[in-house]
Amino acid sequence: MSEISITALRVFRAVARCGSFTAAARDLGCAQSAISRYMASLEEGLQQTLVLRGHRSVQLTAAGELYLETVNRALDELDHGAMRIASGGERPTVKVLAMPSFASRWLIPRLARLHLARIDVEIELATSIWDADFRKERFDLAIHYGDGSWPGAQLLMHDSLVPVASPRLLKGQALARIGDLDRFPWLHDSLRSSKWSRWLAASDAAGLSSARSMKLQDTEATLTAAVAGLGIAIGHVVLVDNDVREGRLVEAWPRHAPLAAGYHLIFAKRAARNQPARALAEWLMKEAVEFRKTLEAPPV
């Protein structure tokens, strides 16, 4: 077997993470032809097919899945050592901006797993409902919610809407029909006031309404009120998934309304070559992939 370059391994990891040669080239800032050459060289050296090429995407083979585990461990270890040396033995700092609800309900619960990935960085996490202005603010990474139109944005996950409530409010019983939703108070998020109307329209129930309602300041307050049993809220599946799986919330009606918007990871230009920031970004992308898999599995 010929010697394998670290660059080829990084290319393979990017292809596996991004799902296509085009996206991997964009992620690594190189030509798609370079991605093809490195992948061909790697497969030739291993004498194994690692990916199956489709029209617009690639799929890992069984050998590719197995090899990716080894590659991830090896590159994570190399990156960890490089970060410690570059920082003089101190933990490097990565500054991250995220929406408050996403930070508290998705990101923070996962940060405890960082040490398992051997990513030894100090994270400064700030929250805001506004997009990061990298020209004025010294953030390295930001997680924005929207259509992905930001330069260099990488999709973490799409989202959808679903009505949720405390099982106590519903007395542990599933609703017989969608019209039964009007028997309960509806909780409205003042920052995203159209969620109820969008979900109802997608569910062919635009004429449905409730005589009782409560308006709350933001998404976090709305979901907290739902957990407390104050009414039914329209939740973003990404944000309520953990509450549903742990039994604090249930889907009041099992209809998900897909959204065109999603959560995207954005690099500040000055951090594009920052190895600690890139290591954290790659970890976030892997966590997002694993999370998307859980959405396809039924709650336990």
C-alpha atoms as a PDB file:
ATOM      1  CA  MET A   1       0.000   0.000   0.000  1.00  0.00           C
ATOM      2  CA  SER A   2       1.372   3.421  -0.960  1.00  0.00           C
ATOM      3  CA  GLU A   3       1.807   6.212   1.587  1.00  0.00           C
ATOM      4  CA  ILE A   4      -1.410   8.123   2.297  1.00  0.00           C
ATOM      5  CA  SER A   5      -1.295  11.908   2.630  1.00  0.00           C
ATOM      6  CA  ILE A   6      -3.012  13.743   5.467  1.00  0.00           C
ATOM      7  CA  THR A   7      -4.553  16.080   2.882  1.00  0.00           C
ATOM      8  CA  ALA A   8      -6.268  13.102   1.245  1.00  0.00           C
ATOM      9  CA  LEU A   9      -7.672  12.075   4.621  1.00  0.00           C
ATOM     10  CA  ARG A  10      -9.018  15.581   5.232  1.00  0.00           C
ATOM     11  CA  VAL A  11     -10.584  15.547   1.773  1.00  0.00           C
ATOM     12  CA  PHE A  12     -12.235  12.196   2.491  1.00  0.00           C
ATOM     13  CA  ARG A  13     -13.617  13.475   5.787  1.00  0.00           C
ATOM     14  CA  ALA A  14     -14.970  16.597   4.094  1.00  0.00           C
ATOM     15  CA  VAL A  15     -16.634  14.514   1.351  1.00  0.00           C
ATOM     16  CA  ALA A  16     -18.245  12.260   3.967  1.00  0.00           C
ATOM     17  CA  ARG A  17     -19.428  15.236   6.007  1.00  0.00           C
ATOM     18  CA  CYS A  18     -20.667  17.392   3.124  1.00  0.00           C
ATOM     19  CA  GLY A  19     -22.215  14.599   1.053  1.00  0.00           C
ATOM     20  CA  SER A  20     -20.796  15.621  -2.320  1.00  0.00           C
ATOM     21  CA  PHE A  21     -17.546  16.527  -4.055  1.00  0.00           C
ATOM     22  CA  THR A  22     -18.908  19.983  -4.900  1.00  0.00           C
ATOM     23  CA  ALA A  23     -19.827  20.794  -1.298  1.00  0.00           C
ATOM     24  CA  ALA A  24     -16.513  19.409  -0.030  1.00  0.00           C
ATOM     25  CA  ALA A  25     -14.610  21.605  -2.493  1.00  0.00           C
ATOM     26  CA  ARG A  26     -16.559  24.633  -1.293  1.00  0.00           C
ATOM     27  CA  ASP A  27     -15.902  23.697   2.336  1.00  0.00           C
ATOM     28  CA  LEU A  28     -12.152  23.252   1.823  1.00  0.00           C
ATOM     29  CA  GLY A  29     -11.774  26.192  -0.546  1.00  0.00           C
ATOM     30  CA  CYS A  30     -10.360  24.223  -3.473  1.00  0.00           C
ATOM     31  CA  ALA A  31     -11.387  23.043  -6.939  1.00  0.00           C
ATOM     32  CA  GLN A  32     -13.710  20.067  -7.347  1.00  0.00           C
ATOM     33  CA  SER A  33     -11.106  18.469  -9.612  1.00  0.00           C
ATOM     34  CA  ALA A  34      -8.660  18.478  -6.687  1.00  0.00           C
ATOM     35  CA  ILE A  35     -11.220  16.657  -4.541  1.00  0.00           C
ATOM     36  CA  SER A  36     -11.621  14.036  -7.269  1.00  0.00           C
ATOM     37  CA  ARG A  37      -7.850  13.551  -7.566  1.00  0.00           C
ATOM     38  CA  TYR A  38      -7.323  13.120  -3.836  1.00  0.00           C
ATOM     39  CA  MET A  39     -10.225  10.680  -3.546  1.00  0.00           C
ATOM     40  CA  ALA A  40      -8.983   8.643  -6.506  1.00  0.00           C
ATOM     41  CA  SER A  41      -5.483   8.548  -5.014  1.00  0.00           C
ATOM     42  CA  LEU A  42      -6.818   7.472  -1.610  1.00  0.00           C
ATOM     43  CA  GLU A  43      -9.001   4.699  -3.024  1.00  0.00           C
ATOM     44  CA  GLU A  44      -6.172   3.490  -5.241  1.00  0.00           C
ATOM     45  CA  GLY A  45      -3.778   3.400  -2.295  1.00  0.00           C
ATOM     46  CA  LEU A  46      -6.241   1.457  -0.150  1.00  0.00           C
ATOM     47  CA  GLN A  47      -7.463  -0.652  -3.054  1.00  0.00           C
ATOM     48  CA  GLN A  48     -10.969  -0.049  -1.754  1.00  0.00           C
ATOM     49  CA  THR A  49     -13.991   1.903  -2.976  1.00  0.00           C
ATOM     50  CA  LEU A  50     -14.856   4.373  -0.215  1.00  0.00           C
ATOM     51  CA  VAL A  51     -17.743   6.272  -1.801  1.00  0.00           C
ATOM     52  CA  LEU A  52     -20.393   5.573  -4.414  1.00  0.00           C
ATOM     53  CA  ARG A  53     -20.828   8.573  -6.689  1.00  0.00           C
ATOM     54  CA  GLY A  54     -24.334   9.664  -7.603  1.00  0.00           C
ATOM     55  CA  HIS A  55     -25.438  12.495  -9.874  1.00  0.00           C
ATOM     56  CA  ARG A  56     -25.256  15.158  -7.169  1.00  0.00           C
ATOM     57  CA  SER A  57     -24.216  13.299  -4.044  1.00  0.00           C
ATOM     58  CA  VAL A  58     -22.037  10.507  -2.736  1.00  0.00           C
ATOM     59  CA  GLN A  59     -22.742   7.658  -0.353  1.00  0.00           C
ATOM     60  CA  LEU A  60     -20.169   5.911   1.817  1.00  0.00           C
ATOM     61  CA  THR A  61     -19.606   2.223   1.184  1.00  0.00           C
ATOM     62  CA  ALA A  62     -19.266  -0.197   4.098  1.00  0.00           C
ATOM     63  CA  ALA A  63     -15.494   0.146   3.771  1.00  0.00           C
ATOM     64  CA  GLY A  64     -15.873   3.919   3.703  1.00  0.00           C
ATOM     65  CA  GLU A  65     -17.963   3.934   6.893  1.00  0.00           C
ATOM     66  CA  LEU A  66     -15.388   1.781   8.663  1.00  0.00           C
ATOM     67  CA  TYR A  67     -12.433   3.825   7.445  1.00  0.00           C
ATOM     68  CA  LEU A  68     -14.116   7.123   8.352  1.00  0.00           C
ATOM     69  CA  GLU A  69     -14.150   6.132  12.033  1.00  0.00           C
ATOM     70  CA  THR A  70     -10.376   5.624  11.963  1.00  0.00           C
ATOM     71  CA  VAL A  71      -9.779   8.805   9.959  1.00  0.00           C
ATOM     72  CA  ASN A  72     -11.868  10.895  12.357  1.00  0.00           C
ATOM     73  CA  ARG A  73      -9.975   9.603  15.383  1.00  0.00           C
ATOM     74  CA  ALA A  74      -6.581  10.149  13.745  1.00  0.00           C
ATOM     75  CA  LEU A  75      -7.298  13.664  12.474  1.00  0.00           C
ATOM     76  CA  ASP A  76      -8.932  14.697  15.750  1.00  0.00           C
ATOM     77  CA  GLU A  77      -5.800  13.576  17.597  1.00  0.00           C
ATOM     78  CA  LEU A  78      -3.525  15.473  15.199  1.00  0.00           C
ATOM     79  CA  ASP A  79      -5.661  18.607  15.419  1.00  0.00           C
ATOM     80  CA  HIS A  80      -5.750  18.371  19.201  1.00  0.00           C
ATOM     81  CA  GLY A  81      -1.952  18.238  19.361  1.00  0.00           C
ATOM     82  CA  ALA A  82      -1.566  21.106  16.899  1.00  0.00           C
ATOM     83  CA  MET A  83      -3.953  23.300  18.877  1.00  0.00           C
ATOM     84  CA  ARG A  84      -2.096  22.708  22.135  1.00  0.00           C
ATOM     85  CA  ILE A  85       1.276  23.498  20.561  1.00  0.00           C
ATOM     86  CA  ALA A  86      -0.002  26.610  18.761  1.00  0.00           C
ATOM     87  CA  SER A  87      -1.555  27.959  21.970  1.00  0.00           C
ATOM     88  CA  GLY A  88       1.604  27.409  24.016  1.00  0.00           C
ATOM     89  CA  GLY A  89      -0.055  24.665  26.034  1.00  0.00           C
ATOM     90  CA  GLU A  90      -3.074  26.828  26.903  1.00  0.00           C
ATOM     91  CA  ARG A  91      -6.586  26.057  25.734  1.00  0.00           C
ATOM     92  CA  PRO A  92      -7.418  28.160  22.656  1.00  0.00           C
ATOM     93  CA  THR A  93     -10.627  30.195  22.737  1.00  0.00           C
ATOM     94  CA  VAL A  94     -13.363  30.029  20.095  1.00  0.00           C
ATOM     95  CA  LYS A  95     -16.101  32.672  20.208  1.00  0.00           C
ATOM     96  CA  VAL A  96     -19.533  31.473  19.071  1.00  0.00           C
ATOM     97  CA  LEU A  97     -22.833  33.303  18.531  1.00  0.00           C
ATOM     98  CA  ALA A  98     -26.174  31.468  18.402  1.00  0.00           C
ATOM     99  CA  MET A  99     -29.866  32.173  18.835  1.00  0.00           C
ATOM    100  CA  PRO A 100     -30.928  31.937  22.526  1.00  0.00           C
ATOM    101  CA  SER A 101     -33.393  29.076  22.038  1.00  0.00           C
ATOM    102  CA  PHE A 102     -30.996  27.066  19.854  1.00  0.00           C
ATOM    103  CA  ALA A 103     -28.151  27.614  22.299  1.00  0.00           C
ATOM    104  CA  SER A 104     -30.130  26.507  25.359  1.00  0.00           C
ATOM    105  CA  ARG A 105     -32.080  23.632  23.807  1.00  0.00           C
ATOM    106  CA  TRP A 106     -29.667  22.130  21.272  1.00  0.00           C
ATOM    107  CA  LEU A 107     -26.106  23.414  21.586  1.00  0.00           C
ATOM    108  CA  ILE A 108     -25.451  23.638  25.338  1.00  0.00           C
ATOM    109  CA  PRO A 109     -26.738  20.121  26.154  1.00  0.00           C
ATOM    110  CA  ARG A 110     -24.183  18.744  23.664  1.00  0.00           C
ATOM    111  CA  LEU A 111     -21.118  20.709  24.741  1.00  0.00           C
ATOM    112  CA  ALA A 112     -20.342  18.222  27.513  1.00  0.00           C
ATOM    113  CA  ARG A 113     -19.447  15.740  24.763  1.00  0.00           C
ATOM    114  CA  LEU A 114     -16.663  17.938  23.405  1.00  0.00           C
ATOM    115  CA  HIS A 115     -14.015  16.297  25.588  1.00  0.00           C
ATOM    116  CA  LEU A 116     -14.963  12.890  24.181  1.00  0.00           C
ATOM    117  CA  ALA A 117     -14.025  14.194  20.742  1.00  0.00           C
ATOM    118  CA  ARG A 118     -10.659  15.365  22.101  1.00  0.00           C
ATOM    119  CA  ILE A 119     -11.422  18.978  21.178  1.00  0.00           C
ATOM    120  CA  ASP A 120      -9.766  20.943  23.956  1.00  0.00           C
ATOM    121  CA  VAL A 121     -11.008  24.493  23.369  1.00  0.00           C
ATOM    122  CA  GLU A 122     -12.435  27.217  25.556  1.00  0.00           C
ATOM    123  CA  ILE A 123     -15.817  28.290  24.177  1.00  0.00           C
ATOM    124  CA  GLU A 124     -17.191  31.783  24.659  1.00  0.00           C
ATOM    125  CA  LEU A 125     -20.884  31.450  23.791  1.00  0.00           C
ATOM    126  CA  ALA A 126     -23.025  34.525  23.253  1.00  0.00           C
ATOM    127  CA  THR A 127     -26.684  34.596  22.235  1.00  0.00           C
ATOM    128  CA  SER A 128     -28.677  37.015  20.129  1.00  0.00           C
ATOM    129  CA  ILE A 129     -31.775  37.004  17.966  1.00  0.00           C
ATOM    130  CA  TRP A 130     -29.821  39.059  15.414  1.00  0.00           C
ATOM    131  CA  ASP A 131     -27.289  37.764  12.910  1.00  0.00           C
ATOM    132  CA  ALA A 132     -23.617  38.240  13.717  1.00  0.00           C
ATOM    133  CA  ASP A 133     -21.908  41.280  12.234  1.00  0.00           C
ATOM    134  CA  PHE A 134     -18.409  39.898  11.783  1.00  0.00           C
ATOM    135  CA  ARG A 135     -17.112  43.349  10.806  1.00  0.00           C
ATOM    136  CA  LYS A 136     -17.927  44.761  14.242  1.00  0.00           C
ATOM    137  CA  GLU A 137     -17.991  41.707  16.512  1.00  0.00           C
ATOM    138  CA  ARG A 138     -15.094  39.350  17.212  1.00  0.00           C
ATOM    139  CA  PHE A 139     -16.944  36.063  16.766  1.00  0.00           C
ATOM    140  CA  ASP A 140     -15.256  33.112  15.095  1.00  0.00           C
ATOM    141  CA  LEU A 141     -18.414  31.110  14.347  1.00  0.00           C
ATOM    142  CA  ALA A 142     -22.115  31.859  14.251  1.00  0.00           C
ATOM    143  CA  ILE A 143     -25.187  29.671  13.963  1.00  0.00           C
ATOM    144  CA  HIS A 144     -27.951  31.460  12.086  1.00  0.00           C
ATOM    145  CA  TYR A 145     -31.505  30.429  11.284  1.00  0.00           C
ATOM    146  CA  GLY A 146     -32.723  31.156   7.789  1.00  0.00           C
ATOM    147  CA  ASP A 147     -32.412  30.294   4.108  1.00  0.00           C
ATOM    148  CA  GLY A 148     -28.633  29.858   4.087  1.00  0.00           C
ATOM    149  CA  SER A 149     -27.905  32.945   1.990  1.00  0.00           C
ATOM    150  CA  TRP A 150     -24.922  34.002   4.116  1.00  0.00           C
ATOM    151  CA  PRO A 151     -21.512  33.679   2.407  1.00  0.00           C
ATOM    152  CA  GLY A 152     -19.962  30.293   3.137  1.00  0.00           C
ATOM    153  CA  ALA A 153     -22.959  29.035   5.139  1.00  0.00           C
ATOM    154  CA  GLN A 154     -22.981  25.291   5.866  1.00  0.00           C
ATOM    155  CA  LEU A 155     -26.316  23.641   6.596  1.00  0.00           C
ATOM    156  CA  LEU A 156     -26.544  21.966   9.992  1.00  0.00           C
ATOM    157  CA  MET A 157     -30.172  20.879   9.722  1.00  0.00           C
ATOM    158  CA  HIS A 158     -33.556  21.807   8.301  1.00  0.00           C
ATOM    159  CA  ASP A 159     -36.524  22.272  10.601  1.00  0.00           C
ATOM    160  CA  SER A 160     -40.284  21.807  10.778  1.00  0.00           C
ATOM    161  CA  LEU A 161     -43.178  22.893  12.995  1.00  0.00           C
ATOM    162  CA  VAL A 162     -45.323  20.691  15.237  1.00  0.00           C
ATOM    163  CA  PRO A 163     -47.868  21.437  18.009  1.00  0.00           C
ATOM    164  CA  VAL A 164     -46.628  20.331  21.431  1.00  0.00           C
ATOM    165  CA  ALA A 165     -48.088  20.257  24.925  1.00  0.00           C
ATOM    166  CA  SER A 166     -47.471  18.845  28.354  1.00  0.00           C
ATOM    167  CA  PRO A 167     -48.877  15.309  28.708  1.00  0.00           C
ATOM    168  CA  ARG A 168     -50.605  16.607  31.855  1.00  0.00           C
ATOM    169  CA  LEU A 169     -52.577  19.112  29.800  1.00  0.00           C
ATOM    170  CA  LEU A 170     -53.801  16.395  27.447  1.00  0.00           C
ATOM    171  CA  LYS A 171     -54.331  14.012  30.387  1.00  0.00           C
ATOM    172  CA  GLY A 172     -52.234  11.419  28.596  1.00  0.00           C
ATOM    173  CA  GLN A 173     -54.764  10.969  25.792  1.00  0.00           C
ATOM    174  CA  ALA A 174     -54.189  11.488  22.084  1.00  0.00           C
ATOM    175  CA  LEU A 175     -56.573  13.881  20.342  1.00  0.00           C
ATOM    176  CA  ALA A 176     -59.167  12.153  18.166  1.00  0.00           C
ATOM    177  CA  ARG A 177     -59.129  14.824  15.447  1.00  0.00           C
ATOM    178  CA  ILE A 178     -57.237  17.973  14.586  1.00  0.00           C
ATOM    179  CA  GLY A 179     -60.259  20.097  15.509  1.00  0.00           C
ATOM    180  CA  ASP A 180     -59.818  19.072  19.143  1.00  0.00           C
ATOM    181  CA  LEU A 181     -56.875  21.457  19.374  1.00  0.00           C
ATOM    182  CA  ASP A 182     -59.336  24.301  19.914  1.00  0.00           C
ATOM    183  CA  ARG A 183     -60.339  22.837  23.291  1.00  0.00           C
ATOM    184  CA  PHE A 184     -57.050  24.037  24.764  1.00  0.00           C
ATOM    185  CA  PRO A 185     -55.338  27.425  25.155  1.00  0.00           C
ATOM    186  CA  TRP A 186     -52.889  28.279  22.384  1.00  0.00           C
ATOM    187  CA  LEU A 187     -49.480  29.713  23.249  1.00  0.00           C
ATOM    188  CA  HIS A 188     -48.117  32.344  20.861  1.00  0.00           C
ATOM    189  CA  ASP A 189     -44.485  33.358  20.396  1.00  0.00           C
ATOM    190  CA  SER A 190     -44.388  37.149  19.948  1.00  0.00           C
ATOM    191  CA  LEU A 191     -41.094  37.025  18.022  1.00  0.00           C
ATOM    192  CA  ARG A 192     -42.431  34.461  15.524  1.00  0.00           C
ATOM    193  CA  SER A 193     -46.139  35.163  15.610  1.00  0.00           C
ATOM    194  CA  SER A 194     -46.930  33.401  12.321  1.00  0.00           C
ATOM    195  CA  LYS A 195     -46.084  29.870  13.512  1.00  0.00           C
ATOM    196  CA  TRP A 196     -49.657  28.871  14.333  1.00  0.00           C
ATOM    197  CA  SER A 197     -51.051  30.184  11.037  1.00  0.00           C
ATOM    198  CA  ARG A 198     -48.255  28.513   9.037  1.00  0.00           C
ATOM    199  CA  TRP A 199     -48.772  25.157  10.719  1.00  0.00           C
ATOM    200  CA  LEU A 200     -52.573  25.342  10.354  1.00  0.00           C
ATOM    201  CA  ALA A 201     -52.287  26.223   6.656  1.00  0.00           C
ATOM    202  CA  ALA A 202     -49.905  23.306   6.075  1.00  0.00           C
ATOM    203  CA  SER A 203     -52.343  21.016   7.911  1.00  0.00           C
ATOM    204  CA  ASP A 204     -55.410  22.104   5.882  1.00  0.00           C
ATOM    205  CA  ALA A 205     -56.943  23.584   9.025  1.00  0.00           C
ATOM    206  CA  ALA A 206     -56.584  27.306   8.361  1.00  0.00           C
ATOM    207  CA  GLY A 207     -60.038  28.067   9.782  1.00  0.00           C
ATOM    208  CA  LEU A 208     -59.296  26.539  13.177  1.00  0.00           C
ATOM    209  CA  SER A 209     -58.828  28.849  16.179  1.00  0.00           C
ATOM    210  CA  SER A 210     -58.968  28.815  19.955  1.00  0.00           C
ATOM    211  CA  ALA A 211     -60.985  31.137  22.159  1.00  0.00           C
ATOM    212  CA  ARG A 212     -58.215  31.073  24.766  1.00  0.00           C
ATOM    213  CA  SER A 213     -54.649  32.094  24.125  1.00  0.00           C
ATOM    214  CA  MET A 214     -51.530  33.480  25.756  1.00  0.00           C
ATOM    215  CA  LYS A 215     -48.844  35.581  24.100  1.00  0.00           C
ATOM    216  CA  LEU A 216     -45.277  35.168  25.333  1.00  0.00           C
ATOM    217  CA  GLN A 217     -42.119  37.141  24.703  1.00  0.00           C
ATOM    218  CA  ASP A 218     -40.042  34.618  22.797  1.00  0.00           C
ATOM    219  CA  THR A 219     -39.568  30.970  21.841  1.00  0.00           C
ATOM    220  CA  GLU A 220     -37.925  29.986  25.125  1.00  0.00           C
ATOM    221  CA  ALA A 221     -40.759  31.450  27.216  1.00  0.00           C
ATOM    222  CA  THR A 222     -43.361  29.840  24.952  1.00  0.00           C
ATOM    223  CA  LEU A 223     -41.862  26.365  25.264  1.00  0.00           C
ATOM    224  CA  THR A 224     -41.387  26.771  29.019  1.00  0.00           C
ATOM    225  CA  ALA A 225     -45.085  27.620  29.289  1.00  0.00           C
ATOM    226  CA  ALA A 226     -45.957  24.531  27.253  1.00  0.00           C
ATOM    227  CA  VAL A 227     -43.889  22.306  29.566  1.00  0.00           C
ATOM    228  CA  ALA A 228     -45.704  23.902  32.521  1.00  0.00           C
ATOM    229  CA  GLY A 229     -49.050  22.828  31.048  1.00  0.00           C
ATOM    230  CA  LEU A 230     -50.354  26.305  30.210  1.00  0.00           C
ATOM    231  CA  GLY A 231     -51.383  25.430  26.668  1.00  0.00           C
ATOM    232  CA  ILE A 232     -50.373  24.113  23.262  1.00  0.00           C
ATOM    233  CA  ALA A 233     -47.428  25.704  21.468  1.00  0.00           C
ATOM    234  CA  ILE A 234     -46.170  25.389  17.921  1.00  0.00           C
ATOM    235  CA  GLY A 235     -42.612  24.221  18.386  1.00  0.00           C
ATOM    236  CA  HIS A 236     -39.646  23.888  16.086  1.00  0.00           C
ATOM    237  CA  VAL A 237     -38.882  20.158  15.959  1.00  0.00           C
ATOM    238  CA  VAL A 238     -35.163  20.823  16.455  1.00  0.00           C
ATOM    239  CA  LEU A 239     -35.877  22.726  19.667  1.00  0.00           C
ATOM    240  CA  VAL A 240     -38.522  20.437  21.198  1.00  0.00           C
ATOM    241  CA  ASP A 241     -37.030  17.070  20.269  1.00  0.00           C
ATOM    242  CA  ASN A 242     -35.247  16.592  23.594  1.00  0.00           C
ATOM    243  CA  ASP A 243     -38.362  17.537  25.604  1.00  0.00           C
ATOM    244  CA  VAL A 244     -40.468  15.101  23.575  1.00  0.00           C
ATOM    245  CA  ARG A 245     -37.992  12.258  23.972  1.00  0.00           C
ATOM    246  CA  GLU A 246     -37.750  12.814  27.727  1.00  0.00           C
ATOM    247  CA  GLY A 247     -41.523  13.047  28.178  1.00  0.00           C
ATOM    248  CA  ARG A 248     -41.844  16.704  29.177  1.00  0.00           C
ATOM    249  CA  LEU A 249     -43.773  17.402  25.981  1.00  0.00           C
ATOM    250  CA  VAL A 250     -45.821  15.335  23.549  1.00  0.00           C
ATOM    251  CA  GLU A 251     -46.897  16.073  20.004  1.00  0.00           C
ATOM    252  CA  ALA A 252     -50.472  17.294  20.371  1.00  0.00           C
ATOM    253  CA  TRP A 253     -51.135  16.396  16.741  1.00  0.00           C
ATOM    254  CA  PRO A 254     -48.635  14.303  14.719  1.00  0.00           C
ATOM    255  CA  ARG A 255     -48.352  16.590  11.705  1.00  0.00           C
ATOM    256  CA  HIS A 256     -44.966  18.133  10.922  1.00  0.00           C
ATOM    257  CA  ALA A 257     -44.976  21.183   8.665  1.00  0.00           C
ATOM    258  CA  PRO A 258     -41.559  21.372   6.915  1.00  0.00           C
ATOM    259  CA  LEU A 259     -39.849  24.747   6.736  1.00  0.00           C
ATOM    260  CA  ALA A 260     -37.602  26.013   3.979  1.00  0.00           C
ATOM    261  CA  ALA A 261     -35.380  27.630   6.603  1.00  0.00           C
ATOM    262  CA  GLY A 262     -32.799  25.793   8.650  1.00  0.00           C
ATOM    263  CA  TYR A 263     -29.852  26.220  10.991  1.00  0.00           C
ATOM    264  CA  HIS A 264     -26.580  27.152   9.312  1.00  0.00           C
ATOM    265  CA  LEU A 265     -22.981  27.413  10.472  1.00  0.00           C
ATOM    266  CA  ILE A 266     -21.056  30.496   9.334  1.00  0.00           C
ATOM    267  CA  PHE A 267     -17.339  31.273   9.658  1.00  0.00           C
ATOM    268  CA  ALA A 268     -15.922  34.726  10.180  1.00  0.00           C
ATOM    269  CA  LYS A 269     -13.410  35.375   7.383  1.00  0.00           C
ATOM    270  CA  ARG A 270     -10.634  35.898   9.910  1.00  0.00           C
ATOM    271  CA  ALA A 271     -11.364  32.475  11.451  1.00  0.00           C
ATOM    272  CA  ALA A 272     -11.494  30.486   8.210  1.00  0.00           C
ATOM    273  CA  ARG A 273      -7.933  29.207   8.782  1.00  0.00           C
ATOM    274  CA  ASN A 274      -8.255  29.096  12.574  1.00  0.00           C
ATOM    275  CA  GLN A 275      -7.630  25.433  13.443  1.00  0.00           C
ATOM    276  CA  PRO A 276      -9.485  25.459  16.821  1.00  0.00           C
ATOM    277  CA  ALA A 277     -12.513  27.082  15.157  1.00  0.00           C
ATOM    278  CA  ARG A 278     -12.415  24.577  12.292  1.00  0.00           C
ATOM    279  CA  ALA A 279     -12.163  21.671  14.742  1.00  0.00           C
ATOM    280  CA  LEU A 280     -15.200  22.939  16.635  1.00  0.00           C
ATOM    281  CA  ALA A 281     -17.090  23.492  13.370  1.00  0.00           C
ATOM    282  CA  GLU A 282     -16.369  19.947  12.191  1.00  0.00           C
ATOM    283  CA  TRP A 283     -17.550  18.590  15.539  1.00  0.00           C
ATOM    284  CA  LEU A 284     -20.781  20.606  15.253  1.00  0.00           C
ATOM    285  CA  MET A 285     -21.375  19.233  11.760  1.00  0.00           C
ATOM    286  CA  LYS A 286     -20.900  15.670  13.039  1.00  0.00           C
ATOM    287  CA  GLU A 287     -23.280  16.314  15.941  1.00  0.00           C
ATOM    288  CA  ALA A 288     -25.852  17.657  13.469  1.00  0.00           C
ATOM    289  CA  VAL A 289     -25.552  14.507  11.341  1.00  0.00           C
ATOM    290  CA  GLU A 290     -26.145  12.315  14.405  1.00  0.00           C
ATOM    291  CA  PHE A 291     -29.082  14.476  15.453  1.00  0.00           C
ATOM    292  CA  ARG A 292     -30.712  14.177  12.042  1.00  0.00           C
ATOM    293  CA  LYS A 293     -30.502  10.408  12.443  1.00  0.00           C
ATOM    294  CA  THR A 294     -32.382  10.605  15.763  1.00  0.00           C
ATOM    295  CA  LEU A 295     -35.194  12.553  14.094  1.00  0.00           C
ATOM    296  CA  GLU A 296     -35.763   9.550  11.859  1.00  0.00           C
ATOM    297  CA  ALA A 297     -36.057   7.237  14.888  1.00  0.00           C
ATOM    298  CA  PRO A 298     -39.241   7.088  17.015  1.00  0.00           C
ATOM    299  CA  PRO A 299     -39.128   8.409  20.595  1.00  0.00           C
ATOM    300  CA  VAL A 300     -38.279   5.761  23.191  1.00  0.00           C
END
